[in-house]
Amino acid sequence: MSEEKRAYIKKLKERLDRWSEKISDLAIDAGIENAEKQAEYQEHMERLHQKHKSLDDKVSGLKVADESAWERLKEEIESSWQELKEKYEHVKSRFKKDIEKEKHK
């Protein structure tokens, strides 16, 4: 593997770690009082974790990708970052009051 690929993968792994922390910051330990809203929150968080895991799998796939797959995977990864960011922002804004309330307990 070229030094450029190694550096790129390392950068992506560090970025994934930061996103993992950001996602963890959205966790609400005590839960949301409204059962319907709690179920919605859990569903959104599960999707967020799935997007993160999918992105992690794609980054891992870069390690064994040949040149033609490398470029395709890089594009997919950039698209997946955008999807993860959008999902994160949606969850954060949708449940902002509940998240803030939990942090101040």
C-alpha atoms as a PDB file:
ATOM      1  CA  MET A   1       0.000   0.000   0.000  1.00  0.00           C
ATOM      2  CA  SER A   2       1.337   3.419  -0.911  1.00  0.00           C
ATOM      3  CA  GLU A   3       2.212   6.008   1.705  1.00  0.00           C
ATOM      4  CA  GLU A   4      -0.543   8.235   0.296  1.00  0.00           C
ATOM      5  CA  LYS A   5      -3.157   5.518   0.875  1.00  0.00           C
ATOM      6  CA  ARG A   6      -1.855   4.821   4.392  1.00  0.00           C
ATOM      7  CA  ALA A   7      -2.035   8.506   5.292  1.00  0.00           C
ATOM      8  CA  TYR A   8      -5.522   8.862   3.827  1.00  0.00           C
ATOM      9  CA  ILE A   9      -6.812   5.802   5.699  1.00  0.00           C
ATOM     10  CA  LYS A  10      -5.235   7.023   8.946  1.00  0.00           C
ATOM     11  CA  LYS A  11      -6.923  10.394   8.489  1.00  0.00           C
ATOM     12  CA  LEU A  12     -10.277   8.701   7.873  1.00  0.00           C
ATOM     13  CA  LYS A  13      -9.913   6.474  10.946  1.00  0.00           C
ATOM     14  CA  GLU A  14      -9.197   9.535  13.092  1.00  0.00           C
ATOM     15  CA  ARG A  15     -12.228  11.242  11.601  1.00  0.00           C
ATOM     16  CA  LEU A  16     -14.337   8.158  12.380  1.00  0.00           C
ATOM     17  CA  ASP A  17     -13.156   8.229  15.991  1.00  0.00           C
ATOM     18  CA  ARG A  18     -14.191  11.879  16.330  1.00  0.00           C
ATOM     19  CA  TRP A  19     -17.605  11.084  14.860  1.00  0.00           C
ATOM     20  CA  SER A  20     -18.000   8.183  17.253  1.00  0.00           C
ATOM     21  CA  GLU A  21     -17.487  10.615  20.128  1.00  0.00           C
ATOM     22  CA  LYS A  22     -19.971  13.082  18.636  1.00  0.00           C
ATOM     23  CA  ILE A  23     -22.575  10.338  18.283  1.00  0.00           C
ATOM     24  CA  SER A  24     -21.959   9.234  21.870  1.00  0.00           C
ATOM     25  CA  ASP A  25     -22.577  12.813  22.986  1.00  0.00           C
ATOM     26  CA  LEU A  26     -26.112  12.498  21.615  1.00  0.00           C
ATOM     27  CA  ALA A  27     -26.867   9.553  23.889  1.00  0.00           C
ATOM     28  CA  ILE A  28     -29.607  10.134  26.409  1.00  0.00           C
ATOM     29  CA  ASP A  29     -29.000   7.824  29.364  1.00  0.00           C
ATOM     30  CA  ALA A  30     -32.229   8.285  31.283  1.00  0.00           C
ATOM     31  CA  GLY A  31     -34.417   8.223  28.218  1.00  0.00           C
ATOM     32  CA  ILE A  32     -37.166  10.478  27.005  1.00  0.00           C
ATOM     33  CA  GLU A  33     -40.354  10.671  29.011  1.00  0.00           C
ATOM     34  CA  ASN A  34     -42.723  10.331  26.040  1.00  0.00           C
ATOM     35  CA  ALA A  35     -42.671   6.676  24.913  1.00  0.00           C
ATOM     36  CA  GLU A  36     -43.436   7.473  21.281  1.00  0.00           C
ATOM     37  CA  LYS A  37     -40.683  10.071  21.123  1.00  0.00           C
ATOM     38  CA  GLN A  38     -38.311   7.646  22.885  1.00  0.00           C
ATOM     39  CA  ALA A  39     -38.978   5.013  20.214  1.00  0.00           C
ATOM     40  CA  GLU A  40     -38.375   7.576  17.483  1.00  0.00           C
ATOM     41  CA  TYR A  41     -35.125   8.651  19.153  1.00  0.00           C
ATOM     42  CA  GLN A  42     -33.920   5.045  19.421  1.00  0.00           C
ATOM     43  CA  GLU A  43     -34.720   4.434  15.753  1.00  0.00           C
ATOM     44  CA  HIS A  44     -32.791   7.531  14.665  1.00  0.00           C
ATOM     45  CA  MET A  45     -29.806   6.631  16.860  1.00  0.00           C
ATOM     46  CA  GLU A  46     -29.755   3.113  15.450  1.00  0.00           C
ATOM     47  CA  ARG A  47     -29.672   4.501  11.909  1.00  0.00           C
ATOM     48  CA  LEU A  48     -26.883   6.874  12.910  1.00  0.00           C
ATOM     49  CA  HIS A  49     -24.847   3.977  14.336  1.00  0.00           C
ATOM     50  CA  GLN A  50     -25.519   1.933  11.178  1.00  0.00           C
ATOM     51  CA  LYS A  51     -24.265   4.766   8.960  1.00  0.00           C
ATOM     52  CA  HIS A  52     -21.139   5.062  11.108  1.00  0.00           C
ATOM     53  CA  LYS A  53     -20.532   1.289  10.936  1.00  0.00           C
ATOM     54  CA  SER A  54     -21.071   1.257   7.168  1.00  0.00           C
ATOM     55  CA  LEU A  55     -18.562   4.067   6.787  1.00  0.00           C
ATOM     56  CA  ASP A  56     -16.068   2.223   8.990  1.00  0.00           C
ATOM     57  CA  ASP A  57     -16.477  -0.872   6.780  1.00  0.00           C
ATOM     58  CA  LYS A  58     -15.833   1.194   3.639  1.00  0.00           C
ATOM     59  CA  VAL A  59     -12.698   2.707   5.155  1.00  0.00           C
ATOM     60  CA  SER A  60     -11.475  -0.774   6.058  1.00  0.00           C
ATOM     61  CA  GLY A  61     -12.173  -1.847   2.461  1.00  0.00           C
ATOM     62  CA  LEU A  62      -9.737   0.786   1.242  1.00  0.00           C
ATOM     63  CA  LYS A  63      -6.859  -1.228   2.709  1.00  0.00           C
ATOM     64  CA  VAL A  64      -7.343  -4.024   0.188  1.00  0.00           C
ATOM     65  CA  ALA A  65      -8.779  -2.053  -2.722  1.00  0.00           C
ATOM     66  CA  ASP A  66      -6.991  -2.063  -6.059  1.00  0.00           C
ATOM     67  CA  GLU A  67      -6.530   1.212  -7.965  1.00  0.00           C
ATOM     68  CA  SER A  68      -9.857   1.088  -9.804  1.00  0.00           C
ATOM     69  CA  ALA A  69     -11.801   0.271  -6.642  1.00  0.00           C
ATOM     70  CA  TRP A  70      -9.790   2.835  -4.664  1.00  0.00           C
ATOM     71  CA  GLU A  71     -11.167   5.826  -6.560  1.00  0.00           C
ATOM     72  CA  ARG A  72     -14.727   4.491  -6.455  1.00  0.00           C
ATOM     73  CA  LEU A  73     -14.510   3.822  -2.720  1.00  0.00           C
ATOM     74  CA  LYS A  74     -13.103   7.286  -2.039  1.00  0.00           C
ATOM     75  CA  GLU A  75     -16.146   8.809  -3.744  1.00  0.00           C
ATOM     76  CA  GLU A  76     -18.513   6.534  -1.824  1.00  0.00           C
ATOM     77  CA  ILE A  77     -16.796   7.429   1.437  1.00  0.00           C
ATOM     78  CA  GLU A  78     -17.135  11.159   0.827  1.00  0.00           C
ATOM     79  CA  SER A  79     -20.822  10.680   0.029  1.00  0.00           C
ATOM     80  CA  SER A  80     -21.247   8.563   3.166  1.00  0.00           C
ATOM     81  CA  TRP A  81     -19.587  11.260   5.313  1.00  0.00           C
ATOM     82  CA  GLN A  82     -22.167  13.719   4.061  1.00  0.00           C
ATOM     83  CA  GLU A  83     -25.012  11.306   4.854  1.00  0.00           C
ATOM     84  CA  LEU A  84     -23.620  10.706   8.351  1.00  0.00           C
ATOM     85  CA  LYS A  85     -23.275  14.427   8.978  1.00  0.00           C
ATOM     86  CA  GLU A  86     -26.827  15.108   7.773  1.00  0.00           C
ATOM     87  CA  LYS A  87     -28.269  12.307   9.927  1.00  0.00           C
ATOM     88  CA  TYR A  88     -26.314  13.531  12.947  1.00  0.00           C
ATOM     89  CA  GLU A  89     -27.547  17.103  12.479  1.00  0.00           C
ATOM     90  CA  HIS A  90     -31.123  15.854  12.088  1.00  0.00           C
ATOM     91  CA  VAL A  91     -30.993  13.849  15.323  1.00  0.00           C
ATOM     92  CA  LYS A  92     -29.256  16.670  17.168  1.00  0.00           C
ATOM     93  CA  SER A  93     -31.827  19.257  16.118  1.00  0.00           C
ATOM     94  CA  ARG A  94     -34.848  16.962  16.485  1.00  0.00           C
ATOM     95  CA  PHE A  95     -33.971  15.929  20.049  1.00  0.00           C
ATOM     96  CA  LYS A  96     -32.000  19.013  21.125  1.00  0.00           C
ATOM     97  CA  LYS A  97     -34.177  19.846  24.118  1.00  0.00           C
ATOM     98  CA  ASP A  98     -34.064  16.263  25.403  1.00  0.00           C
ATOM     99  CA  ILE A  99     -30.285  16.019  24.930  1.00  0.00           C
ATOM    100  CA  GLU A 100     -29.668  19.329  26.715  1.00  0.00           C
ATOM    101  CA  LYS A 101     -32.005  18.357  29.524  1.00  0.00           C
ATOM    102  CA  GLU A 102     -30.106  15.096  30.029  1.00  0.00           C
ATOM    103  CA  LYS A 103     -26.714  16.830  30.039  1.00  0.00           C
ATOM    104  CA  HIS A 104     -27.810  19.153  32.836  1.00  0.00           C
ATOM    105  CA  LYS A 105     -28.930  16.391  35.188  1.00  0.00           C
END
